Amino acid sequence: MSLSLQELHQKIIDRTARLAVIGLGYVGLPVAAMFADAGFDVLGVELRKERVDQINAGRNPIEGEEPGLGDLIQRTTTSGKFRATTDYTALHDRDVILIDVETPVNESHLPEYFALRSALKELGAVMKEGALVIVESTIAPLTMSNIVCPLLEEASGKQNQHGFYLGNCPERVMPGKLLSNLKNMNRVVGGFTPDVSQVMISLYHTIVQADLDAADWITAELVKTVENSYRDVQIAFANEVAKICEAVGGDVWRVRELVNKTPERHMHLPGAGVGGHCIPKDPWLLVSAVKGTNTLVTLIPAARTINDGMPAHMCALIQQGLDKKGISLSQATILIFGYSYLANSDDIRNTPSAELVKLLQAAGAEVRIHDPYITEYAGDVYVMALGCHAVVLMTTHDFYQKIDLEKLKYALALPFLVDGRNLFNKNQVVNAGWIYIKVGDGTKD
């Protein structure tokens, strides 16, 4: 017998609703564990068997610093409230299913929904009557109405609002702060109807202490993609100002400090590039919604071009420093500090370091990579530095803030440091005998 929306609401209030989370990555895993800790029976579906085995053994598969997540996974799996599987058929008795799969864009900057489509098809084949399905993945505007709903109806043989209920509640998390963000960040709760939104709000209130704003599908889709597009445009502005400062002899970091002293100004941080799952793709998701219409969009694509170009700018800064010693990139060995895109994280999705490595190797340089949070790159940094002609700071891991620059200097063939994130103190580094170049700094030594 089909579950009515009112009956489902009561089960959520009583915490007897059976939940599922499809996709146990950086979002789905902490979401599943938090709902389990709130008292719900939670089943996670994940195609990577190794990850499923780790989770069921109570181990956190996410490397890097994630305060509280390891303990939470161990606690909820030990209690039996949270378990993982690779089997979609186990979803047949779930009352609420959250979808947290990747939604990348292709080389043409258009959405690629392979994982989302697959999840909807697999779910639809086994979904119970009256289930509530919530897409937490970031999606382009109109995806709920044009793709998600029709595909789920087709796969299940059921109708939205009759055989199932459908909502969209985009996540807002950052690696290193997963649990804190899920608990304390506001969420936009987009239901097909206001009643669905209210049921979703009741659900999320069991783990979220911030505002939960009811909306429709399109508003929820827009808010998330607009939010990250705004950040991308602001970072692009900062990066362009950084290049101007280099050209005219200014220091973008001092300029930014003084600009931001003016009320209602907030110039973002420039840097070596923009990475992660969200910012490099969400602007393209937003723009894709008007493809084929008469709407002219230029600012957002331009920002993407600027930010995607920062690894190439880093490459140019490296060559600039090597030129002082008559060394070409084809003769140089370069050590990259940080491969993940975010400090103290193992997340390498869309990392600008990967693009820099490609550019350096294409120029004939030998490239070594160090990153304390990625097993294959976590060697002895001083041994890796032996004979290198430049060190390039790409990620502000705490490890690099504590590094012994004097010891590092004597391991290098050339004491040359390129700072892509304003991590080091210029005066201290230069006075210690280094060649030092920093993004956005055109002032003389």
Protein backbone atom coordinates (compact mmCIF):
# COMPACT_ATOMS: atom_id res chain seq x y z
CA MET A 1 0.00 0.00 0.00
CA SER A 2 1.29 3.44 -0.96
CA LEU A 3 2.54 5.66 1.84
CA SER A 4 0.77 9.03 1.96
CA LEU A 5 2.80 12.20 2.39
CA GLN A 6 1.23 12.71 5.81
CA GLU A 7 2.14 9.18 6.90
CA LEU A 8 5.69 9.66 5.65
CA HIS A 9 5.91 12.94 7.55
CA GLN A 10 4.87 11.20 10.76
CA LYS A 11 7.45 8.45 10.23
CA ILE A 12 10.13 11.13 9.87
CA ILE A 13 8.98 12.83 13.07
CA ASP A 14 9.00 9.45 14.86
CA ARG A 15 12.35 8.62 13.22
CA THR A 16 10.97 5.30 12.06
CA ALA A 17 11.38 6.25 8.38
CA ARG A 18 13.97 4.06 6.66
CA LEU A 19 16.53 6.17 4.80
CA ALA A 20 18.99 5.49 2.02
CA VAL A 21 21.82 7.51 0.53
CA ILE A 22 23.04 6.74 -3.00
CA GLY A 23 26.70 7.69 -3.38
CA LEU A 24 29.01 7.60 -0.36
CA GLY A 25 31.55 10.23 -1.35
CA TYR A 26 32.46 13.53 0.26
CA VAL A 27 28.77 14.42 0.67
CA GLY A 28 26.83 11.19 0.86
CA LEU A 29 29.01 9.51 3.48
CA PRO A 30 28.76 12.21 6.16
CA VAL A 31 25.07 12.77 5.34
CA ALA A 32 24.32 9.08 5.84
CA ALA A 33 26.28 8.91 9.08
CA MET A 34 24.64 12.05 10.48
CA PHE A 35 21.12 10.79 9.79
CA ALA A 36 22.03 7.45 11.37
CA ASP A 37 23.36 9.29 14.41
CA ALA A 38 20.05 11.16 14.58
CA GLY A 39 18.28 7.82 15.06
CA PHE A 40 17.29 6.76 11.54
CA ASP A 41 18.00 3.39 9.98
CA VAL A 42 20.27 4.34 7.05
CA LEU A 43 21.43 2.25 4.12
CA GLY A 44 24.19 3.58 1.87
CA VAL A 45 24.58 2.44 -1.72
CA GLU A 46 28.05 2.74 -3.21
CA LEU A 47 29.46 1.03 -6.30
CA ARG A 48 33.04 0.89 -4.99
CA LYS A 49 33.15 -2.37 -3.04
CA GLU A 50 36.39 -1.45 -1.29
CA ARG A 51 34.74 1.65 0.13
CA VAL A 52 31.68 -0.34 1.19
CA ASP A 53 33.91 -2.81 3.03
CA GLN A 54 35.79 0.00 4.76
CA ILE A 55 32.58 1.67 5.92
CA ASN A 56 31.01 -1.56 7.17
CA ALA A 57 34.21 -2.19 9.13
CA GLY A 58 33.72 1.20 10.78
CA ARG A 59 36.61 2.88 8.99
CA ASN A 60 36.57 6.31 7.36
CA PRO A 61 37.71 6.02 3.71
CA ILE A 62 38.21 9.80 3.35
CA GLU A 63 41.79 10.90 4.00
CA GLY A 64 42.75 14.35 5.19
CA GLU A 65 41.52 16.17 8.25
CA GLU A 66 37.76 15.66 8.75
CA PRO A 67 37.01 16.43 12.40
CA GLY A 68 34.61 13.92 13.95
CA LEU A 69 33.82 11.93 10.81
CA GLY A 70 35.87 8.84 11.66
CA ASP A 71 34.31 8.55 15.11
CA LEU A 72 30.83 9.13 13.68
CA ILE A 73 31.20 6.36 11.10
CA GLN A 74 32.52 3.94 13.69
CA ARG A 75 29.72 4.79 16.13
CA THR A 76 26.86 4.49 13.65
CA THR A 77 28.09 1.31 11.98
CA THR A 78 28.75 -0.33 15.34
CA SER A 79 25.22 0.54 16.49
CA GLY A 80 23.78 -1.01 13.33
CA LYS A 81 22.07 2.22 12.31
CA PHE A 82 24.29 2.69 9.26
CA ARG A 83 25.47 0.08 6.78
CA ALA A 84 26.59 0.14 3.18
CA THR A 85 26.01 -2.07 0.17
CA THR A 86 26.67 -2.25 -3.56
CA ASP A 87 23.21 -3.73 -4.17
CA TYR A 88 20.48 -1.38 -5.39
CA THR A 89 17.77 -3.99 -4.77
CA ALA A 90 18.25 -3.38 -1.04
CA LEU A 91 16.47 -0.05 -1.57
CA HIS A 92 13.09 -1.72 -1.99
CA ASP A 93 11.97 -0.90 1.57
CA ARG A 94 13.40 2.61 1.88
CA ASP A 95 11.00 5.47 2.66
CA VAL A 96 13.40 8.31 1.84
CA ILE A 97 16.25 8.12 -0.67
CA LEU A 98 18.87 10.85 -1.01
CA ILE A 99 20.99 10.97 -4.18
CA ASP A 100 24.56 12.24 -3.80
CA VAL A 101 26.40 11.35 -6.99
CA GLU A 102 28.82 13.37 -9.08
CA THR A 103 27.42 15.64 -11.79
CA PRO A 104 30.41 16.72 -13.88
CA VAL A 105 30.53 18.63 -17.15
CA ASN A 106 32.19 17.40 -20.33
CA GLU A 107 34.83 19.07 -22.49
CA SER A 108 32.09 21.14 -24.13
CA HIS A 109 31.06 22.41 -20.68
CA LEU A 110 27.72 20.59 -20.79
CA PRO A 111 26.34 18.45 -17.95
CA GLU A 112 27.24 14.78 -17.93
CA TYR A 113 24.68 12.99 -15.82
CA PHE A 114 25.85 9.40 -16.28
CA ALA A 115 25.90 8.66 -12.55
CA LEU A 116 22.65 10.51 -11.89
CA ARG A 117 20.80 8.79 -14.72
CA SER A 118 22.11 5.41 -13.65
CA ALA A 119 21.10 5.99 -10.04
CA LEU A 120 17.57 7.03 -11.06
CA LYS A 121 17.14 4.00 -13.31
CA GLU A 122 18.40 1.55 -10.70
CA LEU A 123 16.32 3.17 -7.97
CA GLY A 124 13.18 3.36 -10.09
CA ALA A 125 13.26 -0.38 -10.72
CA VAL A 126 12.97 -1.18 -7.00
CA MET A 127 11.48 1.94 -5.39
CA LYS A 128 8.57 1.42 -3.02
CA GLU A 129 5.22 3.20 -3.36
CA GLY A 130 5.14 6.57 -1.64
CA ALA A 131 8.90 7.01 -1.30
CA LEU A 132 10.43 10.48 -1.10
CA VAL A 133 13.43 10.97 -3.40
CA ILE A 134 15.73 13.94 -2.78
CA VAL A 135 18.49 14.98 -5.16
CA GLU A 136 21.29 16.58 -3.15
CA SER A 137 23.77 16.66 -6.04
CA THR A 138 24.29 20.03 -7.69
CA ILE A 139 22.42 20.15 -10.98
CA ALA A 140 21.72 22.64 -13.74
CA PRO A 141 18.49 24.65 -13.61
CA LEU A 142 15.58 22.68 -15.12
CA THR A 143 17.26 19.31 -14.49
CA MET A 144 14.61 18.26 -11.97
CA SER A 145 11.74 18.94 -14.37
CA ASN A 146 13.42 17.91 -17.63
CA ILE A 147 15.52 14.91 -16.58
CA VAL A 148 15.06 13.68 -13.01
CA CYS A 149 11.28 13.53 -12.82
CA PRO A 150 10.63 12.02 -16.29
CA LEU A 151 13.40 9.45 -15.88
CA LEU A 152 12.24 8.35 -12.44
CA GLU A 153 8.65 8.10 -13.66
CA GLU A 154 9.74 6.00 -16.61
CA ALA A 155 12.00 3.71 -14.59
CA SER A 156 9.48 3.17 -11.79
CA GLY A 157 6.22 3.15 -13.70
CA LYS A 158 4.94 5.54 -11.03
CA GLN A 159 3.85 9.17 -11.20
CA ASN A 160 5.27 12.07 -9.24
CA GLN A 161 2.89 13.06 -6.41
CA HIS A 162 1.00 9.79 -6.76
CA GLY A 163 3.49 6.93 -6.69
CA PHE A 164 6.40 8.91 -5.20
CA TYR A 165 7.44 12.39 -4.05
CA LEU A 166 10.38 14.37 -5.36
CA GLY A 167 12.58 17.15 -4.02
CA ASN A 168 15.88 18.92 -4.51
CA CYS A 169 18.08 20.07 -1.63
CA PRO A 170 21.58 20.97 -2.85
CA GLU A 171 24.37 20.31 -0.38
CA ARG A 172 26.74 23.04 0.79
CA VAL A 173 29.91 21.41 2.06
CA MET A 174 33.68 21.75 1.80
CA PRO A 175 36.25 19.03 2.50
CA GLY A 176 37.79 19.55 5.92
CA LYS A 177 34.50 20.91 7.27
CA LEU A 178 32.01 18.26 6.14
CA LEU A 179 30.18 17.67 9.41
CA SER A 180 30.34 21.31 10.48
CA ASN A 181 28.99 22.52 7.14
CA LEU A 182 26.16 19.98 7.08
CA LYS A 183 25.14 21.00 10.57
CA ASN A 184 25.59 24.76 10.38
CA MET A 185 25.08 25.86 6.77
CA ASN A 186 21.70 27.11 5.55
CA ARG A 187 19.94 24.89 3.00
CA VAL A 188 17.40 25.60 0.27
CA VAL A 189 14.72 22.90 0.35
CA GLY A 190 13.07 22.55 -3.02
CA GLY A 191 9.97 20.41 -3.15
CA PHE A 192 7.62 19.87 -6.07
CA THR A 193 4.88 21.28 -3.83
CA PRO A 194 5.01 23.30 -0.60
CA ASP A 195 3.81 20.21 1.29
CA VAL A 196 6.77 18.18 0.02
CA SER A 197 9.11 20.99 1.03
CA GLN A 198 7.72 20.94 4.56
CA VAL A 199 8.24 17.20 4.88
CA MET A 200 11.80 17.66 3.67
CA ILE A 201 12.35 20.44 6.19
CA SER A 202 11.22 18.13 9.00
CA LEU A 203 13.74 15.58 7.80
CA TYR A 204 16.66 17.98 7.55
CA HIS A 205 15.90 19.59 10.89
CA THR A 206 17.07 16.35 12.50
CA ILE A 207 20.66 17.12 11.44
CA VAL A 208 20.72 20.81 10.43
CA GLN A 209 20.75 23.63 12.98
CA ALA A 210 20.77 26.45 10.43
CA ASP A 211 17.95 27.91 8.32
CA LEU A 212 16.00 25.61 5.99
CA ASP A 213 14.28 27.75 3.38
CA ALA A 214 11.36 26.25 1.48
CA ALA A 215 11.42 26.75 -2.28
CA ASP A 216 10.48 25.11 -5.55
CA TRP A 217 12.77 22.99 -7.74
CA ILE A 218 14.01 25.75 -10.01
CA THR A 219 14.83 28.10 -7.13
CA ALA A 220 16.85 25.43 -5.35
CA GLU A 221 18.73 24.61 -8.55
CA LEU A 222 19.44 28.27 -9.24
CA VAL A 223 20.57 29.21 -5.74
CA LYS A 224 23.29 26.54 -5.63
CA THR A 225 24.67 27.17 -9.11
CA VAL A 226 24.44 30.96 -8.75
CA GLU A 227 26.21 30.82 -5.39
CA ASN A 228 29.25 29.02 -6.78
CA SER A 229 29.22 31.07 -9.99
CA TYR A 230 29.38 34.21 -7.86
CA ARG A 231 32.44 32.87 -6.07
CA ASP A 232 34.09 31.92 -9.34
CA VAL A 233 33.53 35.38 -10.84
CA GLN A 234 34.91 37.06 -7.71
CA ILE A 235 38.01 34.86 -7.69
CA ALA A 236 38.54 35.61 -11.38
CA PHE A 237 38.40 39.33 -10.62
CA ALA A 238 41.03 38.86 -7.90
CA ASN A 239 43.23 36.85 -10.27
CA GLU A 240 42.99 39.48 -12.97
CA VAL A 241 43.90 42.21 -10.49
CA ALA A 242 46.83 40.05 -9.38
CA LYS A 243 48.18 39.98 -12.94
CA ILE A 244 47.76 43.75 -13.23
CA CYS A 245 49.68 44.23 -9.97
CA GLU A 246 52.50 42.06 -11.26
CA ALA A 247 52.68 44.12 -14.45
CA VAL A 248 52.70 47.56 -12.80
CA GLY A 249 54.79 46.79 -9.73
CA GLY A 250 52.07 46.47 -7.13
CA ASP A 251 51.24 43.87 -4.47
CA VAL A 252 47.75 42.44 -4.83
CA TRP A 253 47.77 41.19 -1.24
CA ARG A 254 48.29 44.68 0.14
CA VAL A 255 45.81 46.11 -2.37
CA ARG A 256 43.22 43.53 -1.33
CA GLU A 257 43.78 44.31 2.36
CA LEU A 258 43.13 48.01 1.83
CA VAL A 259 40.20 47.52 -0.57
CA ASN A 260 38.50 45.33 2.02
CA LYS A 261 38.79 48.02 4.68
CA THR A 262 36.06 49.88 2.80
CA PRO A 263 32.60 48.89 4.09
CA GLU A 264 30.71 46.38 1.94
CA ARG A 265 33.80 45.41 -0.05
CA HIS A 266 35.06 41.85 -0.11
CA MET A 267 37.71 41.18 -2.69
CA HIS A 268 38.35 37.44 -2.85
CA LEU A 269 41.74 35.73 -2.69
CA PRO A 270 43.75 35.35 -5.88
CA GLY A 271 45.87 32.26 -6.32
CA ALA A 272 47.35 29.46 -8.37
CA GLY A 273 44.02 28.14 -9.62
CA VAL A 274 40.52 27.03 -8.66
CA GLY A 275 39.77 23.38 -7.97
CA GLY A 276 37.26 21.09 -6.35
CA HIS A 277 34.09 19.44 -7.54
CA CYS A 278 31.88 22.53 -7.43
CA ILE A 279 33.36 25.84 -8.51
CA PRO A 280 35.01 24.65 -11.76
CA LYS A 281 31.75 23.06 -12.98
CA ASP A 282 28.76 24.77 -11.34
CA PRO A 283 29.09 27.96 -13.43
CA TRP A 284 28.89 25.78 -16.55
CA LEU A 285 25.81 24.04 -15.14
CA LEU A 286 24.18 27.44 -14.69
CA VAL A 287 25.12 28.63 -18.18
CA SER A 288 24.02 25.37 -19.79
CA ALA A 289 20.43 26.05 -18.76
CA VAL A 290 20.10 28.79 -21.39
CA LYS A 291 21.99 27.06 -24.19
CA GLY A 292 19.93 27.27 -27.37
CA THR A 293 18.06 30.38 -26.25
CA ASN A 294 18.61 34.03 -27.14
CA THR A 295 20.14 34.76 -23.73
CA LEU A 296 23.70 36.06 -24.13
CA VAL A 297 26.01 34.99 -21.30
CA THR A 298 29.59 36.32 -21.30
CA LEU A 299 30.78 37.19 -17.78
CA ILE A 300 30.57 33.70 -16.27
CA PRO A 301 32.43 31.95 -19.13
CA ALA A 302 35.07 34.70 -19.05
CA ALA A 303 35.62 34.10 -15.34
CA ARG A 304 36.04 30.39 -16.00
CA THR A 305 38.67 31.14 -18.64
CA ILE A 306 40.62 33.37 -16.26
CA ASN A 307 40.61 30.85 -13.42
CA ASP A 308 41.40 27.90 -15.67
CA GLY A 309 44.36 29.90 -16.95
CA MET A 310 46.08 30.33 -13.59
CA PRO A 311 48.18 27.13 -13.80
CA ALA A 312 49.57 28.47 -17.09
CA HIS A 313 50.34 31.73 -15.30
CA MET A 314 52.14 29.76 -12.59
CA CYS A 315 54.17 28.06 -15.31
CA ALA A 316 55.16 31.49 -16.67
CA LEU A 317 56.23 32.64 -13.20
CA ILE A 318 58.41 29.56 -12.84
CA GLN A 319 60.12 30.28 -16.16
CA GLN A 320 60.53 33.92 -15.10
CA GLY A 321 62.54 32.87 -12.07
CA LEU A 322 64.59 30.27 -13.93
CA ASP A 323 65.48 32.89 -16.55
CA LYS A 324 67.43 34.76 -13.87
CA LYS A 325 69.85 31.84 -13.79
CA GLY A 326 69.73 31.02 -17.50
CA ILE A 327 67.83 27.77 -16.97
CA SER A 328 65.02 26.64 -19.28
CA LEU A 329 62.08 24.52 -18.19
CA SER A 330 63.40 21.68 -20.31
CA GLN A 331 66.53 21.66 -18.14
CA ALA A 332 64.72 22.00 -14.81
CA THR A 333 63.43 19.66 -12.14
CA ILE A 334 60.39 21.16 -10.39
CA LEU A 335 58.96 20.12 -7.02
CA ILE A 336 55.24 20.78 -6.54
CA PHE A 337 54.05 21.38 -2.99
CA GLY A 338 50.45 20.17 -2.76
CA TYR A 339 48.44 18.13 -5.23
CA SER A 340 44.99 18.25 -3.63
CA TYR A 341 43.03 21.39 -4.40
CA LEU A 342 42.28 22.27 -0.78
CA ALA A 343 44.41 22.65 2.33
CA ASN A 344 44.63 19.60 4.61
CA SER A 345 42.49 17.48 2.31
CA ASP A 346 43.05 14.56 -0.05
CA ASP A 347 40.49 15.87 -2.56
CA ILE A 348 42.12 16.05 -6.00
CA ARG A 349 38.98 16.75 -8.04
CA ASN A 350 39.77 19.36 -10.70
CA THR A 351 42.96 20.26 -8.86
CA PRO A 352 44.95 23.01 -10.61
CA SER A 353 48.12 21.15 -9.68
CA ALA A 354 47.27 18.49 -12.24
CA GLU A 355 47.11 21.08 -15.02
CA LEU A 356 50.39 22.65 -13.90
CA VAL A 357 52.09 19.26 -13.94
CA LYS A 358 50.88 18.68 -17.52
CA LEU A 359 52.13 22.08 -18.66
CA LEU A 360 55.55 21.63 -17.05
CA GLN A 361 55.98 18.16 -18.47
CA ALA A 362 54.92 19.39 -21.91
CA ALA A 363 57.72 21.98 -21.65
CA GLY A 364 60.22 19.22 -20.92
CA ALA A 365 60.59 19.69 -17.17
CA GLU A 366 60.99 16.83 -14.73
CA VAL A 367 58.22 17.14 -12.14
CA ARG A 368 58.12 15.77 -8.61
CA ILE A 369 55.01 16.02 -6.47
CA HIS A 370 54.70 16.13 -2.70
CA ASP A 371 51.45 16.01 -0.78
CA PRO A 372 51.23 14.74 2.82
CA TYR A 373 47.58 13.70 2.39
CA ILE A 374 47.96 11.60 -0.76
CA THR A 375 49.73 8.29 -0.23
CA GLU A 376 51.58 8.15 -3.53
CA TYR A 377 53.01 11.65 -3.01
CA ALA A 378 53.68 11.56 0.73
CA GLY A 379 57.43 10.86 0.68
CA ASP A 380 60.24 12.64 2.51
CA VAL A 381 59.98 16.20 1.23
CA TYR A 382 63.66 16.97 1.75
CA VAL A 383 64.74 13.88 -0.17
CA MET A 384 62.31 14.78 -2.96
CA ALA A 385 63.83 18.28 -3.10
CA LEU A 386 67.35 17.02 -3.83
CA GLY A 387 68.60 18.54 -7.07
CA CYS A 388 65.41 20.49 -7.84
CA HIS A 389 65.57 23.93 -9.46
CA ALA A 390 62.29 25.28 -8.07
CA VAL A 391 59.68 24.61 -5.41
CA VAL A 392 56.12 25.63 -6.32
CA LEU A 393 53.57 26.08 -3.54
CA MET A 394 50.11 25.14 -4.84
CA THR A 395 48.21 24.09 -1.69
CA THR A 396 48.42 25.62 1.79
CA HIS A 397 48.65 22.41 3.80
CA ASP A 398 49.68 23.07 7.39
CA PHE A 399 52.68 20.85 6.69
CA TYR A 400 54.21 23.50 4.42
CA GLN A 401 53.72 26.27 6.94
CA LYS A 402 55.97 24.34 9.32
CA ILE A 403 58.63 23.31 6.80
CA ASP A 404 62.29 24.00 7.55
CA LEU A 405 63.16 26.41 4.73
CA GLU A 406 66.86 26.38 5.57
CA LYS A 407 67.02 22.58 5.34
CA LEU A 408 64.95 22.69 2.17
CA LYS A 409 67.23 25.34 0.64
CA TYR A 410 70.35 23.21 0.93
CA ALA A 411 68.65 20.22 -0.67
CA LEU A 412 67.86 22.20 -3.83
CA ALA A 413 70.05 22.79 -6.83
CA LEU A 414 68.61 26.32 -6.92
CA PRO A 415 66.91 28.04 -3.97
CA PHE A 416 63.89 29.24 -5.92
CA LEU A 417 60.39 29.37 -4.44
CA VAL A 418 57.18 30.22 -6.35
CA ASP A 419 54.36 30.97 -3.92
CA GLY A 420 50.94 30.48 -5.47
CA ARG A 421 48.97 31.15 -2.28
CA ASN A 422 50.79 33.89 -0.31
CA LEU A 423 51.83 31.35 2.31
CA PHE A 424 55.36 32.56 3.00
CA ASN A 425 56.71 35.85 4.33
CA LYS A 426 58.53 37.51 1.44
CA ASN A 427 61.08 39.40 3.52
CA GLN A 428 62.07 36.33 5.51
CA VAL A 429 62.43 34.16 2.42
CA VAL A 430 64.40 36.73 0.41
CA ASN A 431 66.67 37.57 3.36
CA ALA A 432 67.40 33.86 3.69
CA GLY A 433 68.87 33.88 0.20
CA TRP A 434 65.98 32.59 -1.90
CA ILE A 435 64.75 33.67 -5.28
CA TYR A 436 61.12 34.31 -4.44
CA ILE A 437 58.19 34.98 -6.75
CA LYS A 438 54.61 35.30 -5.53
CA VAL A 439 51.38 35.45 -7.48
CA GLY A 440 50.19 39.05 -7.63
CA ASP A 441 53.41 40.63 -6.37
CA GLY A 442 55.24 42.86 -8.82
CA THR A 443 57.21 44.82 -6.21
CA LYS A 444 61.00 44.69 -6.31
CA ASP A 445 63.00 42.74 -3.74
